[in-house]
Amino acid sequence: MKRLTSLPSLFALLLFILVSLHLPPSWAASDSVYDTFLRCLTNRTRPSDHISDIVYSQANSAYADILEAYSRNRRFTLSSTRKPLVIVTPTRESHVQAAVLCSKDLGVHLKIRSGGHDYEGVSYVSEDAFFILDMFNLRSIDVDIQEETAWVQAGATLGELYYRISEKSKVHGFPASVCQTVGVGGHLSGGGYGNMLRKHGLSVDNIVDARMVDVQGRILDRKGMGEDLFWAIIGGGGASFGVILAYQIKLVPVPEKVTVFRVEKTLDENATDLVYKWQFVAPSTDHGLFMRLILQPGASKTQAGQQTITASVVTLFLGNLDQLLAITDKEFPELGLKKENCTEMSWIESVLWWIGFDNGTIPSPETLLGRDYPTTFFKRKSDYVQTPISKANLDLLWKKMIELGKVGLAFNPYGGRMSQIPASATPFPHRAGNLFKIQYYINWREEDPEAGKKYLAQISRLHSYMTPFVSKNPRSAFLNYRDLDIGTTTNGKNSYEEGRVYGVSYFNDNFERLVKVKTAVDPTNFFRNEQSIPPLPK
């Protein structure tokens, strides 16, 4: 055992005690923590790795840029927000192993970040002293078209994955988020969905293997970790169980041409009829048809001084235009879809269309390699709807949304493949029985704390208003739309009871199995966050 890693020295022992007791920020920012951690990492890696090049203390001139590069929610980048003592940006799997073991040796909380699209900042904010293990340098992608699989490291973005697939094939894709800058590690480990979920299921339904570092610093693949742990990290949140290094995914077939369209209607254009009918058609129609419904309050374009609701149907159809119109004309005439509303394009072009590029202005697929993403203040919540909302209640919902003023809703239809996969197949349980998922969203740019409180109150009030219309016992929520309002844990002696509050919402009956896996692989709860899976109490 190396002298430093066993901590026999008086200094190292004192450091361990101070860190464990939540040392004050002024002391935490000192170079002594960085120096001790760096020595440990150096002892556990090769001299040629130049480990100091990938470890940033608060005194480093690049520290702020590294921290903010993948901190997407400005609610958690304020000057008053506690910052990590050190940021580690591994370039090799062995660096991840060393970071885990050295954090354990020092008794410092380690948080893992793979992309930063973290609604509540739990990958880069903490109330106690902590390090960040930022995976953005581990971003290799190896696509094997012959086997129809790909190995994707956790720090790659979905845009990079989509681009690398398109380089090899025009008739393959992968069912994941429509936002190209989302990191693979967090997205896949939390469930992951996109506009092909009705045809091909969730991202986690298409994972065949994984590589991870466990609490003992071992690198494990599916065979090495066993089926229980593999099950847990494909939907249960990888950061509760270890550090995900990479996933092997199964590619899915896509047509040479797909069809997209966007149709908008306001209340005076019979938006209520459209929304009501959408609830019946969108979850039951052709499995290749995904129609997201976005509801947003705003000023009427036709009635001066009046507020209205705009209902936008944004669609991907895995087929051609004529096939699509045959479906919508028969099943959804309220949509009023015309040929001129639709555009046929390749699947990779549809990825670009969905992130906001208009028809005729779609750029080269290389655009998907960009990582820049506008940061703003925001809050998200989620719900699941199992019974259609009546027209009368939709009218009341419009009034409430207009009264609140800014909160929008996104309805994402289920059905299709989602209804065919058992709830216990992965930790993600929200499948058969759910018509659609709601995402509540609100964004703002004002830095005034009082404005933030106002907007947070708006989204909470709308979420509360929707209680009669959504799932119950439990009121379910989506892990990747993380929401600390549901509950948090201090990871103390009551962590199981605290964890069960949010755990049952995210995982329903799968929560207890996740707890058993956690207890078996990480009984001391080294891998933890404010909404992690707790181990059973000793």
Protein backbone atom coordinates (compact mmCIF):
# COMPACT_ATOMS: atom_id res chain seq x y z
CA MET A 1 0.00 0.00 0.00
CA LYS A 2 1.41 3.39 -0.92
CA ARG A 3 2.09 5.71 1.99
CA LEU A 4 -0.30 8.47 0.88
CA THR A 5 -3.25 6.29 0.03
CA SER A 6 -3.23 4.64 3.47
CA LEU A 7 -3.17 8.12 5.11
CA PRO A 8 -0.80 7.35 7.95
CA SER A 9 0.64 10.83 8.21
CA LEU A 10 -0.72 13.28 10.72
CA PHE A 11 -1.40 15.83 8.00
CA ALA A 12 -3.39 13.44 5.84
CA LEU A 13 -5.36 12.25 8.84
CA LEU A 14 -6.16 15.83 9.81
CA LEU A 15 -7.21 16.54 6.21
CA PHE A 16 -9.51 13.53 6.21
CA ILE A 17 -11.21 14.67 9.43
CA LEU A 18 -11.65 18.26 8.33
CA VAL A 19 -13.12 17.33 4.95
CA SER A 20 -15.46 14.80 6.52
CA LEU A 21 -16.74 17.48 8.90
CA HIS A 22 -17.72 19.84 6.07
CA LEU A 23 -14.75 22.15 6.15
CA PRO A 24 -15.51 25.82 5.50
CA PRO A 25 -15.20 27.17 1.94
CA SER A 26 -12.22 29.36 2.81
CA TRP A 27 -10.20 26.34 3.95
CA ALA A 28 -11.61 24.11 1.22
CA ALA A 29 -10.30 26.49 -1.43
CA SER A 30 -6.73 26.22 -0.19
CA ASP A 31 -4.07 24.42 -2.20
CA SER A 32 -3.51 21.74 0.44
CA VAL A 33 -6.59 19.74 -0.61
CA TYR A 34 -5.59 19.98 -4.25
CA ASP A 35 -1.96 19.06 -3.52
CA THR A 36 -2.92 16.03 -1.47
CA PHE A 37 -5.43 14.82 -4.02
CA LEU A 38 -2.98 15.40 -6.86
CA ARG A 39 -0.27 13.37 -5.13
CA CYS A 40 -2.69 10.51 -4.65
CA LEU A 41 -3.75 10.62 -8.31
CA THR A 42 -0.12 10.75 -9.42
CA ASN A 43 0.71 7.70 -7.34
CA ARG A 44 -2.16 5.78 -8.92
CA THR A 45 -1.49 6.71 -12.56
CA ARG A 46 1.42 6.54 -14.99
CA PRO A 47 4.07 9.31 -15.01
CA SER A 48 3.44 9.80 -18.74
CA ASP A 49 -0.19 10.74 -18.02
CA HIS A 50 0.81 14.21 -16.74
CA ILE A 51 -2.09 14.03 -14.34
CA SER A 52 -1.71 17.67 -13.25
CA ASP A 53 -2.94 18.72 -16.69
CA ILE A 54 -6.42 17.34 -16.02
CA VAL A 55 -6.91 18.42 -12.39
CA TYR A 56 -8.10 21.95 -11.62
CA SER A 57 -8.04 23.67 -8.26
CA GLN A 58 -10.02 26.81 -7.50
CA ALA A 59 -6.79 28.78 -7.97
CA ASN A 60 -6.36 27.56 -11.54
CA SER A 61 -7.11 30.21 -14.17
CA ALA A 62 -9.13 27.67 -16.20
CA TYR A 63 -11.19 26.47 -13.22
CA ALA A 64 -14.19 28.78 -13.77
CA ASP A 65 -14.38 28.02 -17.49
CA ILE A 66 -14.27 24.26 -16.85
CA LEU A 67 -16.94 24.49 -14.16
CA GLU A 68 -19.29 26.69 -16.18
CA ALA A 69 -18.84 24.92 -19.54
CA TYR A 70 -21.37 22.22 -18.64
CA SER A 71 -23.37 24.03 -15.94
CA ARG A 72 -26.51 24.66 -17.97
CA ASN A 73 -28.89 26.00 -15.32
CA ARG A 74 -27.94 29.47 -14.09
CA ARG A 75 -29.89 28.90 -10.89
CA PHE A 76 -26.85 26.91 -9.76
CA THR A 77 -24.01 29.09 -11.03
CA LEU A 78 -24.46 32.04 -8.68
CA SER A 79 -21.49 33.41 -6.76
CA SER A 80 -23.11 32.20 -3.54
CA THR A 81 -23.30 28.59 -4.79
CA ARG A 82 -20.73 26.29 -3.15
CA LYS A 83 -18.09 25.29 -5.67
CA PRO A 84 -16.12 22.03 -5.94
CA LEU A 85 -12.72 21.87 -4.27
CA VAL A 86 -11.27 20.24 -7.38
CA ILE A 87 -12.46 19.34 -10.88
CA VAL A 88 -10.99 16.22 -12.51
CA THR A 89 -11.34 15.84 -16.30
CA PRO A 90 -10.13 12.30 -17.06
CA THR A 91 -8.81 11.37 -20.46
CA ARG A 92 -8.31 7.67 -19.65
CA GLU A 93 -10.39 5.09 -17.87
CA SER A 94 -7.52 4.65 -15.39
CA HIS A 95 -7.92 8.30 -14.39
CA VAL A 96 -11.50 7.57 -13.37
CA GLN A 97 -10.36 4.63 -11.26
CA ALA A 98 -7.76 6.80 -9.53
CA ALA A 99 -10.25 9.61 -8.89
CA VAL A 100 -12.69 7.24 -7.23
CA LEU A 101 -10.06 5.64 -5.00
CA CYS A 102 -8.38 8.92 -4.02
CA SER A 103 -11.72 10.56 -3.21
CA LYS A 104 -12.47 7.60 -0.97
CA ASP A 105 -9.05 7.89 0.70
CA LEU A 106 -9.64 11.56 1.48
CA GLY A 107 -13.27 11.05 2.46
CA VAL A 108 -14.43 13.66 -0.04
CA HIS A 109 -17.78 13.51 -1.82
CA LEU A 110 -17.33 12.80 -5.55
CA LYS A 111 -19.93 13.99 -8.06
CA ILE A 112 -20.01 12.77 -11.65
CA ARG A 113 -20.96 14.96 -14.60
CA SER A 114 -21.30 13.71 -18.16
CA GLY A 115 -22.98 16.56 -19.98
CA GLY A 116 -24.54 19.08 -17.67
CA HIS A 117 -28.18 18.85 -18.79
CA ASP A 118 -29.00 18.34 -15.16
CA TYR A 119 -32.21 20.15 -14.28
CA GLU A 120 -31.34 20.54 -10.58
CA GLY A 121 -27.55 20.69 -10.79
CA VAL A 122 -26.99 17.61 -8.63
CA SER A 123 -23.94 16.65 -10.73
CA TYR A 124 -22.14 19.90 -9.99
CA VAL A 125 -23.60 21.36 -6.77
CA SER A 126 -23.41 20.07 -3.21
CA GLU A 127 -23.95 21.29 0.33
CA ASP A 128 -20.82 19.48 1.54
CA ALA A 129 -17.20 19.62 0.37
CA PHE A 130 -16.90 17.82 -2.97
CA PHE A 131 -14.93 17.06 -6.10
CA ILE A 132 -16.37 16.93 -9.65
CA LEU A 133 -15.40 14.12 -11.98
CA ASP A 134 -16.23 15.70 -15.35
CA MET A 135 -16.35 13.10 -18.12
CA PHE A 136 -16.40 15.40 -21.17
CA ASN A 137 -12.98 14.25 -22.44
CA LEU A 138 -14.11 10.61 -22.56
CA ARG A 139 -16.13 10.96 -25.75
CA SER A 140 -15.05 8.27 -28.21
CA ILE A 141 -17.69 6.60 -30.40
CA ASP A 142 -17.11 3.35 -32.27
CA VAL A 143 -19.92 2.45 -34.68
CA ASP A 144 -20.10 -1.09 -36.05
CA ILE A 145 -22.70 -1.07 -38.82
CA GLN A 146 -22.22 -4.74 -39.62
CA GLU A 147 -23.20 -5.66 -36.05
CA GLU A 148 -25.62 -2.70 -35.81
CA THR A 149 -24.10 -1.61 -32.52
CA ALA A 150 -21.92 1.20 -31.18
CA TRP A 151 -19.75 1.76 -28.12
CA VAL A 152 -20.25 5.29 -26.81
CA GLN A 153 -18.27 6.81 -23.97
CA ALA A 154 -20.20 8.65 -21.29
CA GLY A 155 -18.82 12.11 -22.12
CA ALA A 156 -19.94 12.03 -25.76
CA THR A 157 -22.99 14.06 -26.70
CA LEU A 158 -26.02 12.68 -28.47
CA GLY A 159 -25.31 14.99 -31.40
CA GLU A 160 -21.88 13.42 -31.77
CA LEU A 161 -23.44 9.96 -31.63
CA TYR A 162 -26.06 10.79 -34.26
CA TYR A 163 -23.39 12.26 -36.52
CA ARG A 164 -21.09 9.24 -36.22
CA ILE A 165 -23.97 6.90 -37.03
CA SER A 166 -24.86 8.97 -40.10
CA GLU A 167 -21.25 8.79 -41.31
CA LYS A 168 -21.60 5.02 -41.56
CA SER A 169 -25.24 4.59 -42.59
CA LYS A 170 -28.26 6.51 -43.83
CA VAL A 171 -30.70 3.85 -42.63
CA HIS A 172 -29.68 3.55 -38.97
CA GLY A 173 -30.36 5.76 -35.98
CA PHE A 174 -30.73 5.65 -32.22
CA PRO A 175 -33.79 6.51 -30.07
CA ALA A 176 -32.67 9.26 -27.71
CA SER A 177 -33.17 12.96 -26.95
CA VAL A 178 -33.92 15.58 -29.59
CA CYS A 179 -31.42 17.89 -27.83
CA GLN A 180 -28.04 17.26 -29.40
CA THR A 181 -25.84 18.57 -26.56
CA VAL A 182 -27.13 16.14 -23.92
CA GLY A 183 -24.38 13.91 -22.51
CA VAL A 184 -24.69 10.18 -23.14
CA GLY A 185 -23.81 9.08 -19.61
CA GLY A 186 -26.60 10.81 -17.73
CA HIS A 187 -29.18 10.52 -20.48
CA LEU A 188 -28.89 6.77 -20.92
CA SER A 189 -28.44 5.88 -17.26
CA GLY A 190 -31.62 7.80 -16.36
CA GLY A 191 -33.86 6.28 -19.03
CA GLY A 192 -33.47 8.45 -22.11
CA TYR A 193 -36.23 9.01 -24.65
CA GLY A 194 -36.77 10.77 -27.91
CA ASN A 195 -39.11 11.00 -30.88
CA MET A 196 -38.73 7.33 -31.85
CA LEU A 197 -39.84 5.89 -28.49
CA ARG A 198 -43.22 4.69 -29.81
CA LYS A 199 -41.41 2.62 -32.45
CA HIS A 200 -38.22 1.58 -30.67
CA GLY A 201 -38.74 2.28 -26.97
CA LEU A 202 -36.43 4.20 -24.69
CA SER A 203 -32.68 4.55 -25.01
CA VAL A 204 -32.26 2.03 -22.18
CA ASP A 205 -34.34 -0.52 -24.09
CA ASN A 206 -31.54 -0.54 -26.66
CA ILE A 207 -28.47 -0.97 -24.43
CA VAL A 208 -26.64 -4.30 -24.68
CA ASP A 209 -23.50 -3.78 -22.55
CA ALA A 210 -21.71 -1.21 -20.40
CA ARG A 211 -18.40 -0.39 -18.77
CA MET A 212 -18.25 1.21 -15.35
CA VAL A 213 -15.94 1.86 -12.40
CA ASP A 214 -17.34 0.55 -9.14
CA VAL A 215 -16.68 1.70 -5.57
CA GLN A 216 -13.62 -0.57 -5.38
CA GLY A 217 -12.10 1.07 -8.44
CA ARG A 218 -12.64 -1.95 -10.67
CA ILE A 219 -13.65 -1.66 -14.32
CA LEU A 220 -16.62 -3.93 -14.94
CA ASP A 221 -18.53 -4.88 -18.08
CA ARG A 222 -21.96 -6.49 -18.12
CA LYS A 223 -20.59 -9.95 -17.44
CA GLY A 224 -18.33 -8.72 -14.67
CA MET A 225 -20.95 -6.63 -12.88
CA GLY A 226 -23.77 -9.18 -13.17
CA GLU A 227 -27.32 -8.74 -14.38
CA ASP A 228 -28.66 -7.00 -11.25
CA LEU A 229 -26.18 -4.13 -11.42
CA PHE A 230 -26.48 -3.92 -15.20
CA TRP A 231 -30.26 -3.67 -14.78
CA ALA A 232 -29.82 -0.87 -12.24
CA ILE A 233 -27.62 1.33 -14.45
CA ILE A 234 -29.95 1.23 -17.46
CA GLY A 235 -32.59 3.52 -16.03
CA GLY A 236 -31.88 3.71 -12.30
CA GLY A 237 -29.32 6.50 -12.49
CA GLY A 238 -25.73 5.39 -12.92
CA ALA A 239 -24.34 7.92 -10.42
CA SER A 240 -25.90 5.97 -7.53
CA PHE A 241 -23.86 2.87 -8.32
CA GLY A 242 -20.54 3.92 -9.86
CA VAL A 243 -19.07 5.87 -12.75
CA ILE A 244 -20.39 4.90 -16.17
CA LEU A 245 -17.53 4.83 -18.66
CA ALA A 246 -19.38 3.73 -21.79
CA TYR A 247 -22.47 2.00 -23.10
CA GLN A 248 -22.78 -0.40 -25.99
CA ILE A 249 -26.01 0.42 -27.78
CA LYS A 250 -28.11 -1.33 -30.39
CA LEU A 251 -28.76 0.79 -33.48
CA VAL A 252 -32.29 0.86 -34.89
CA PRO A 253 -33.43 0.94 -38.53
CA VAL A 254 -34.78 4.17 -40.00
CA PRO A 255 -36.20 4.76 -43.49
CA GLU A 256 -34.17 6.58 -46.12
CA LYS A 257 -36.81 9.31 -45.93
CA VAL A 258 -38.82 10.39 -42.90
CA THR A 259 -41.48 13.11 -42.70
CA VAL A 260 -41.71 16.05 -40.30
CA PHE A 261 -44.25 18.79 -39.71
CA ARG A 262 -45.29 21.45 -37.23
CA VAL A 263 -48.88 22.69 -36.98
CA GLU A 264 -49.98 25.48 -34.62
CA LYS A 265 -53.46 26.46 -33.53
CA THR A 266 -54.71 28.97 -30.98
CA LEU A 267 -57.91 28.84 -28.94
CA ASP A 268 -59.85 30.80 -31.56
CA GLU A 269 -58.67 28.23 -34.13
CA ASN A 270 -60.21 25.31 -32.20
CA ALA A 271 -57.06 24.38 -30.30
CA THR A 272 -59.19 22.82 -27.56
CA ASP A 273 -60.71 20.32 -30.01
CA LEU A 274 -57.25 19.51 -31.33
CA VAL A 275 -55.78 18.91 -27.86
CA TYR A 276 -58.74 16.80 -26.76
CA LYS A 277 -58.55 14.56 -29.82
CA TRP A 278 -54.75 14.37 -29.60
CA GLN A 279 -55.08 12.51 -26.29
CA PHE A 280 -56.83 9.63 -28.05
CA VAL A 281 -54.90 9.56 -31.32
CA ALA A 282 -51.27 10.23 -30.37
CA PRO A 283 -50.84 7.24 -28.01
CA SER A 284 -52.71 4.77 -30.25
CA THR A 285 -51.77 5.64 -33.83
CA ASP A 286 -49.12 4.05 -36.05
CA HIS A 287 -46.03 3.22 -33.95
CA GLY A 288 -43.81 5.17 -36.34
CA LEU A 289 -45.73 8.40 -35.71
CA PHE A 290 -44.62 10.60 -32.79
CA MET A 291 -46.60 13.81 -32.25
CA ARG A 292 -45.34 16.00 -29.44
CA LEU A 293 -47.87 18.58 -28.25
CA ILE A 294 -46.54 21.89 -26.88
CA LEU A 295 -48.90 24.25 -25.04
CA GLN A 296 -47.78 27.81 -24.38
CA PRO A 297 -49.63 30.89 -23.08
CA GLY A 298 -49.10 34.18 -24.89
CA ALA A 299 -50.65 37.16 -26.62
CA SER A 300 -53.28 36.55 -29.27
CA LYS A 301 -52.24 37.46 -32.80
CA THR A 302 -55.80 38.16 -33.90
CA GLN A 303 -57.40 39.78 -30.83
CA ALA A 304 -55.47 42.77 -29.54
CA GLY A 305 -54.97 42.79 -25.80
CA GLN A 306 -56.18 39.21 -25.39
CA GLN A 307 -54.20 36.26 -24.07
CA THR A 308 -54.50 32.82 -25.60
CA ILE A 309 -52.99 29.35 -25.65
CA THR A 310 -51.02 28.12 -28.65
CA ALA A 311 -51.08 24.38 -29.26
CA SER A 312 -48.20 23.18 -31.45
CA VAL A 313 -48.00 19.62 -32.80
CA VAL A 314 -44.38 18.79 -33.65
CA THR A 315 -43.98 15.48 -35.45
CA LEU A 316 -41.61 12.83 -36.71
CA PHE A 317 -43.06 10.09 -38.90
CA LEU A 318 -40.91 7.13 -39.87
CA GLY A 319 -42.39 6.96 -43.34
CA ASN A 320 -43.22 9.07 -46.38
CA LEU A 321 -45.60 11.97 -46.79
CA ASP A 322 -48.40 10.03 -48.50
CA GLN A 323 -48.42 7.40 -45.76
CA LEU A 324 -48.57 10.13 -43.13
CA LEU A 325 -51.47 11.99 -44.72
CA ALA A 326 -53.42 8.75 -45.06
CA ILE A 327 -53.14 8.31 -41.28
CA THR A 328 -53.90 11.88 -40.22
CA ASP A 329 -56.80 12.35 -42.65
CA LYS A 330 -58.46 9.26 -41.20
CA GLU A 331 -57.55 9.49 -37.51
CA PHE A 332 -56.92 13.17 -36.83
CA PRO A 333 -58.87 15.51 -39.14
CA GLU A 334 -58.86 18.15 -36.37
CA LEU A 335 -55.21 18.66 -37.18
CA GLY A 336 -56.05 19.97 -40.63
CA LEU A 337 -52.76 18.67 -41.98
CA LYS A 338 -51.97 19.54 -45.60
CA LYS A 339 -49.23 18.36 -47.92
CA GLU A 340 -47.59 21.78 -47.84
CA ASN A 341 -47.21 21.50 -44.03
CA CYS A 342 -44.93 18.46 -44.37
CA THR A 343 -41.35 17.89 -45.44
CA GLU A 344 -39.60 14.66 -46.36
CA MET A 345 -35.94 14.40 -45.42
CA SER A 346 -33.29 11.98 -44.19
CA TRP A 347 -33.31 10.92 -40.55
CA ILE A 348 -30.14 12.90 -39.76
CA GLU A 349 -31.71 15.99 -41.34
CA SER A 350 -34.76 15.46 -39.13
CA VAL A 351 -32.48 15.55 -36.09
CA LEU A 352 -31.36 19.02 -37.14
CA TRP A 353 -34.94 20.08 -37.94
CA TRP A 354 -36.06 19.07 -34.43
CA ILE A 355 -33.42 21.23 -32.76
CA GLY A 356 -34.79 24.32 -34.50
CA PHE A 357 -33.51 24.64 -38.04
CA ASP A 358 -36.30 25.52 -40.46
CA ASN A 359 -37.02 23.78 -43.74
CA GLY A 360 -34.59 24.96 -46.37
CA THR A 361 -32.04 26.16 -43.81
CA ILE A 362 -30.93 22.80 -42.44
CA PRO A 363 -27.13 22.92 -42.14
CA SER A 364 -24.52 20.22 -42.58
CA PRO A 365 -24.68 17.33 -40.07
CA GLU A 366 -21.30 18.51 -38.73
CA THR A 367 -23.36 21.08 -36.83
CA LEU A 368 -24.25 18.27 -34.43
CA LEU A 369 -20.65 18.17 -33.23
CA GLY A 370 -21.00 21.57 -31.57
CA ARG A 371 -21.28 21.67 -27.79
CA ASP A 372 -22.34 25.27 -27.21
CA TYR A 373 -25.69 25.54 -25.45
CA PRO A 374 -27.35 28.72 -24.18
CA THR A 375 -27.58 28.85 -20.40
CA THR A 376 -30.59 30.31 -18.67
CA PHE A 377 -32.51 30.14 -15.43
CA PHE A 378 -35.09 27.36 -15.59
CA LYS A 379 -37.22 24.85 -13.73
CA ARG A 380 -38.83 21.61 -14.92
CA LYS A 381 -41.38 19.20 -13.49
CA SER A 382 -43.10 16.08 -14.84
CA ASP A 383 -46.28 14.03 -14.61
CA TYR A 384 -47.98 11.07 -16.28
CA VAL A 385 -51.55 11.11 -17.58
CA GLN A 386 -53.55 7.89 -17.66
CA THR A 387 -57.07 9.18 -18.44
CA PRO A 388 -57.91 11.81 -21.09
CA ILE A 389 -58.62 15.28 -19.77
CA SER A 390 -62.14 16.47 -20.68
CA LYS A 391 -62.77 19.53 -22.81
CA ALA A 392 -64.32 21.31 -19.84
CA ASN A 393 -61.19 20.70 -17.77
CA LEU A 394 -58.97 21.73 -20.66
CA ASP A 395 -60.81 25.05 -20.77
CA LEU A 396 -60.13 25.49 -17.05
CA LEU A 397 -56.49 24.56 -17.61
CA TRP A 398 -56.17 27.27 -20.26
CA LYS A 399 -57.52 29.83 -17.81
CA LYS A 400 -55.02 28.76 -15.17
CA MET A 401 -52.09 28.88 -17.61
CA ILE A 402 -53.10 32.35 -18.81
CA GLU A 403 -53.52 33.50 -15.22
CA LEU A 404 -50.01 32.28 -14.30
CA GLY A 405 -48.58 33.78 -17.46
CA LYS A 406 -45.39 31.91 -18.41
CA VAL A 407 -45.43 28.17 -17.68
CA GLY A 408 -45.56 25.90 -20.72
CA LEU A 409 -46.45 22.23 -21.08
CA ALA A 410 -45.07 19.55 -23.40
CA PHE A 411 -47.14 16.39 -23.85
CA ASN A 412 -45.14 13.37 -25.06
CA PRO A 413 -47.28 10.43 -26.22
CA TYR A 414 -46.63 6.85 -25.19
CA GLY A 415 -48.25 3.68 -26.51
CA GLY A 416 -46.69 1.59 -29.23
CA ARG A 417 -43.48 -0.13 -28.16
CA MET A 418 -43.72 1.52 -24.73
CA SER A 419 -46.83 -0.50 -23.93
CA GLN A 420 -45.18 -3.78 -24.94
CA ILE A 421 -42.23 -3.72 -22.53
CA PRO A 422 -42.84 -4.85 -18.91
CA ALA A 423 -42.47 -2.20 -16.20
CA SER A 424 -39.82 -4.35 -14.51
CA ALA A 425 -37.65 -4.82 -17.62
CA THR A 426 -35.58 -1.77 -16.62
CA PRO A 427 -35.79 0.53 -13.57
CA PHE A 428 -37.88 2.94 -15.69
CA PRO A 429 -41.44 1.76 -14.88
CA HIS A 430 -43.71 4.25 -16.70
CA ARG A 431 -44.93 2.21 -19.63
CA ALA A 432 -48.33 0.54 -20.20
CA GLY A 433 -51.23 2.48 -18.75
CA ASN A 434 -49.79 5.92 -19.41
CA LEU A 435 -51.20 7.89 -22.30
CA PHE A 436 -48.58 10.58 -22.20
CA LYS A 437 -45.97 12.31 -20.09
CA ILE A 438 -46.13 16.00 -19.21
CA GLN A 439 -43.10 18.20 -18.95
CA TYR A 440 -43.76 21.52 -17.20
CA TYR A 441 -41.23 24.15 -18.21
CA ILE A 442 -40.42 27.74 -17.41
CA ASN A 443 -37.34 29.78 -18.39
CA TRP A 444 -36.26 33.27 -17.39
CA ARG A 445 -33.25 35.56 -17.76
CA GLU A 446 -33.72 38.00 -14.90
CA GLU A 447 -31.01 37.64 -12.27
CA ASP A 448 -33.20 39.21 -9.59
CA PRO A 449 -33.84 36.54 -6.90
CA GLU A 450 -37.39 37.81 -6.44
CA ALA A 451 -38.13 37.18 -10.11
CA GLY A 452 -36.83 33.65 -9.70
CA LYS A 453 -39.12 33.05 -6.74
CA LYS A 454 -42.06 34.31 -8.78
CA TYR A 455 -41.37 31.93 -11.66
CA LEU A 456 -40.75 28.96 -9.38
CA ALA A 457 -44.06 29.68 -7.68
CA GLN A 458 -45.82 29.74 -11.06
CA ILE A 459 -44.66 26.28 -12.09
CA SER A 460 -45.41 24.86 -8.64
CA ARG A 461 -48.94 26.26 -8.77
CA LEU A 462 -49.62 24.73 -12.18
CA HIS A 463 -48.18 21.39 -11.05
CA SER A 464 -50.47 21.49 -8.01
CA TYR A 465 -53.46 22.43 -10.17
CA MET A 466 -52.91 19.33 -12.33
CA THR A 467 -53.14 16.92 -9.37
CA PRO A 468 -56.64 15.58 -10.22
CA PHE A 469 -55.66 14.76 -13.81
CA VAL A 470 -52.40 12.82 -13.37
CA SER A 471 -51.18 9.50 -11.93
CA LYS A 472 -51.76 8.80 -8.26
CA ASN A 473 -50.41 6.47 -5.56
CA PRO A 474 -47.73 7.27 -6.48
CA ARG A 475 -47.79 10.49 -8.41
CA SER A 476 -45.07 9.42 -10.82
CA ALA A 477 -42.22 11.49 -12.22
CA PHE A 478 -39.38 11.00 -14.73
CA LEU A 479 -35.85 10.72 -13.33
CA ASN A 480 -34.22 12.60 -16.22
CA TYR A 481 -36.58 15.51 -15.46
CA ARG A 482 -35.11 15.60 -11.97
CA ASP A 483 -37.15 17.68 -9.52
CA LEU A 484 -35.90 18.22 -5.97
CA ASP A 485 -39.35 19.43 -4.90
CA ILE A 486 -40.40 15.77 -4.79
CA GLY A 487 -37.99 15.11 -1.93
CA THR A 488 -34.30 14.90 -1.09
CA THR A 489 -32.00 12.95 1.18
CA THR A 490 -29.21 14.16 3.43
CA ASN A 491 -27.64 10.70 3.04
CA GLY A 492 -27.64 10.26 6.79
CA LYS A 493 -29.19 7.67 9.07
CA ASN A 494 -32.66 8.25 7.58
CA SER A 495 -31.54 8.01 3.97
CA TYR A 496 -33.74 5.01 3.17
CA GLU A 497 -36.91 6.70 4.46
CA GLU A 498 -35.98 9.95 2.72
CA GLY A 499 -35.04 8.16 -0.49
CA ARG A 500 -38.26 6.23 -0.63
CA VAL A 501 -40.26 9.47 -0.96
CA TYR A 502 -38.78 10.41 -4.33
CA GLY A 503 -37.69 6.89 -5.23
CA VAL A 504 -41.22 5.55 -5.49
CA SER A 505 -42.23 8.50 -7.70
CA TYR A 506 -39.35 7.89 -10.10
CA PHE A 507 -39.28 4.08 -10.01
CA ASN A 508 -42.62 2.85 -8.60
CA ASP A 509 -42.31 -0.84 -7.64
CA ASN A 510 -38.75 -1.00 -8.99
CA PHE A 511 -37.40 1.16 -6.16
CA GLU A 512 -36.93 -1.67 -3.69
CA ARG A 513 -34.92 -3.72 -6.18
CA LEU A 514 -32.69 -0.71 -6.80
CA VAL A 515 -32.14 -0.38 -3.04
CA LYS A 516 -31.09 -4.04 -2.84
CA VAL A 517 -28.60 -3.57 -5.67
CA LYS A 518 -27.23 -0.43 -4.04
CA THR A 519 -26.83 -2.20 -0.71
CA ALA A 520 -24.93 -5.03 -2.38
CA VAL A 521 -22.53 -2.94 -4.48
CA ASP A 522 -22.08 0.30 -2.48
CA PRO A 523 -23.16 -0.33 1.14
CA THR A 524 -21.24 2.69 2.49
CA ASN A 525 -23.07 5.02 0.06
CA PHE A 526 -19.94 6.52 -1.49
CA PHE A 527 -21.77 7.28 -4.75
CA ARG A 528 -24.53 9.60 -3.66
CA ASN A 529 -26.39 12.79 -4.41
CA GLU A 530 -29.48 14.61 -3.21
CA GLN A 531 -31.77 12.08 -4.93
CA SER A 532 -29.60 8.98 -5.16
CA ILE A 533 -30.65 5.42 -4.40
CA PRO A 534 -29.98 4.78 -0.69
CA PRO A 535 -28.63 1.53 0.76
CA LEU A 536 -30.63 -0.31 3.36
CA PRO A 537 -29.84 0.87 6.90
CA LYS A 538 -27.26 -1.20 8.72
